[in-house]
Amino acid sequence: MHKTPTQTSIATLHLRQHMGEVLEEVYYNNAQFLIARKNKVMARLVNDTYFSALEKLVKSDTSLEDTLWLMLDKQARSAIYESLAEREAEQKIPLDQAFAE
């Protein structure tokens, strides 16, 4: 059974002041840090083993690779989220009501 890495938000100033400690936590304890500036997550710090495993997984499946690149493209990501929001906002009609005429 695997253990999901811990995710801790960390400010850029704290990261600069404690880089050695943070790197040791990432390397030895498989911790993940969400690096934030002004309460906005800007990046994620993960250990090399974790990232290499993700890279290998993505490269082994072209559909995952395509999905990743779509999610990294700002325009594509925006269009996807907009489409999902529109879909959620649509009025849903019960099936029996749709066929009752």
Protein backbone atom coordinates (compact mmCIF):
# COMPACT_ATOMS: atom_id res chain seq x y z
CA MET A 1 0.00 0.00 0.00
CA HIS A 2 1.30 3.46 -0.84
CA LYS A 3 1.31 6.61 1.21
CA THR A 4 0.14 9.82 -0.45
CA PRO A 5 2.78 12.53 -0.06
CA THR A 6 1.93 15.33 2.32
CA GLN A 7 1.22 18.70 0.70
CA THR A 8 2.08 21.81 2.64
CA SER A 9 1.69 25.37 1.46
CA ILE A 10 4.81 27.46 1.95
CA ALA A 11 5.47 31.15 1.32
CA THR A 12 8.34 32.12 -0.97
CA LEU A 13 9.99 34.11 1.83
CA HIS A 14 9.94 31.07 4.14
CA LEU A 15 11.33 28.92 1.33
CA ARG A 16 14.23 31.33 0.77
CA GLN A 17 15.02 31.41 4.49
CA HIS A 18 14.76 27.63 5.00
CA MET A 19 15.72 26.11 1.63
CA GLY A 20 17.99 23.42 3.12
CA GLU A 21 15.36 22.19 5.58
CA VAL A 22 12.64 22.19 2.93
CA LEU A 23 14.80 20.24 0.47
CA GLU A 24 15.60 17.64 3.14
CA GLU A 25 11.90 17.26 3.94
CA VAL A 26 11.14 16.76 0.23
CA TYR A 27 14.00 14.34 -0.37
CA TYR A 28 13.87 12.22 2.78
CA ASN A 29 10.16 12.33 3.69
CA ASN A 30 8.60 12.57 0.22
CA ALA A 31 6.90 15.83 1.26
CA GLN A 32 5.43 18.16 -1.35
CA PHE A 33 5.34 21.90 -0.95
CA LEU A 34 2.95 24.25 -2.69
CA ILE A 35 5.00 27.41 -3.11
CA ALA A 36 2.78 30.48 -2.76
CA ARG A 37 3.25 34.19 -3.24
CA LYS A 38 0.51 36.51 -1.96
CA ASN A 39 -1.69 33.44 -1.24
CA LYS A 40 -1.47 32.28 -4.86
CA VAL A 41 0.15 28.89 -5.52
CA MET A 42 2.91 29.49 -8.06
CA ALA A 43 4.71 26.13 -8.09
CA ARG A 44 5.05 22.76 -6.42
CA LEU A 45 8.25 21.31 -5.02
CA VAL A 46 8.45 17.50 -5.23
CA ASN A 47 11.33 15.07 -5.05
CA ASP A 48 12.99 13.74 -8.18
CA THR A 49 11.76 10.15 -7.70
CA TYR A 50 8.14 11.30 -7.60
CA PHE A 51 8.51 13.58 -10.62
CA SER A 52 10.42 10.95 -12.62
CA ALA A 53 7.64 8.42 -11.95
CA LEU A 54 5.03 10.92 -13.20
CA GLU A 55 7.14 11.66 -16.28
CA LYS A 56 7.47 7.96 -17.06
CA LEU A 57 3.73 7.42 -16.61
CA VAL A 58 2.84 10.32 -18.92
CA LYS A 59 5.34 9.25 -21.59
CA SER A 60 3.96 5.70 -21.53
CA ASP A 61 0.43 6.83 -22.43
CA THR A 62 -0.03 9.26 -25.31
CA SER A 63 -3.55 10.20 -24.18
CA LEU A 64 -2.17 11.26 -20.79
CA GLU A 65 0.57 13.22 -22.52
CA ASP A 66 -1.99 14.99 -24.74
CA THR A 67 -4.20 15.74 -21.75
CA LEU A 68 -1.26 17.16 -19.82
CA TRP A 69 -0.29 19.48 -22.65
CA LEU A 70 -3.89 20.66 -23.02
CA MET A 71 -4.05 21.42 -19.31
CA LEU A 72 -0.76 23.33 -19.49
CA ASP A 73 -1.94 25.45 -22.44
CA LYS A 74 -3.58 28.54 -20.96
CA GLN A 75 -6.09 29.04 -23.81
CA ALA A 76 -7.06 25.36 -23.95
CA ARG A 77 -7.44 25.18 -20.17
CA SER A 78 -9.60 28.30 -20.17
CA ALA A 79 -11.85 26.90 -22.93
CA ILE A 80 -12.22 23.58 -21.07
CA TYR A 81 -13.17 25.24 -17.78
CA GLU A 82 -15.56 27.62 -19.53
CA SER A 83 -17.25 24.72 -21.30
CA LEU A 84 -17.57 22.76 -18.04
CA ALA A 85 -19.08 25.79 -16.28
CA GLU A 86 -21.61 26.26 -19.10
CA ARG A 87 -22.53 22.58 -18.92
CA GLU A 88 -23.06 22.77 -15.16
CA ALA A 89 -25.24 25.87 -15.54
CA GLU A 90 -27.61 24.23 -18.02
CA GLN A 91 -31.12 23.48 -16.85
CA LYS A 92 -31.56 19.75 -16.35
CA ILE A 93 -34.93 18.24 -17.29
CA PRO A 94 -36.11 14.90 -15.85
CA LEU A 95 -36.29 12.19 -18.51
CA ASP A 96 -40.05 11.59 -18.09
CA GLN A 97 -40.69 15.31 -18.55
CA ALA A 98 -38.53 15.45 -21.69
CA PHE A 99 -40.61 12.72 -23.37
CA ALA A 100 -44.02 13.91 -22.14
CA GLU A 101 -45.79 15.73 -24.97
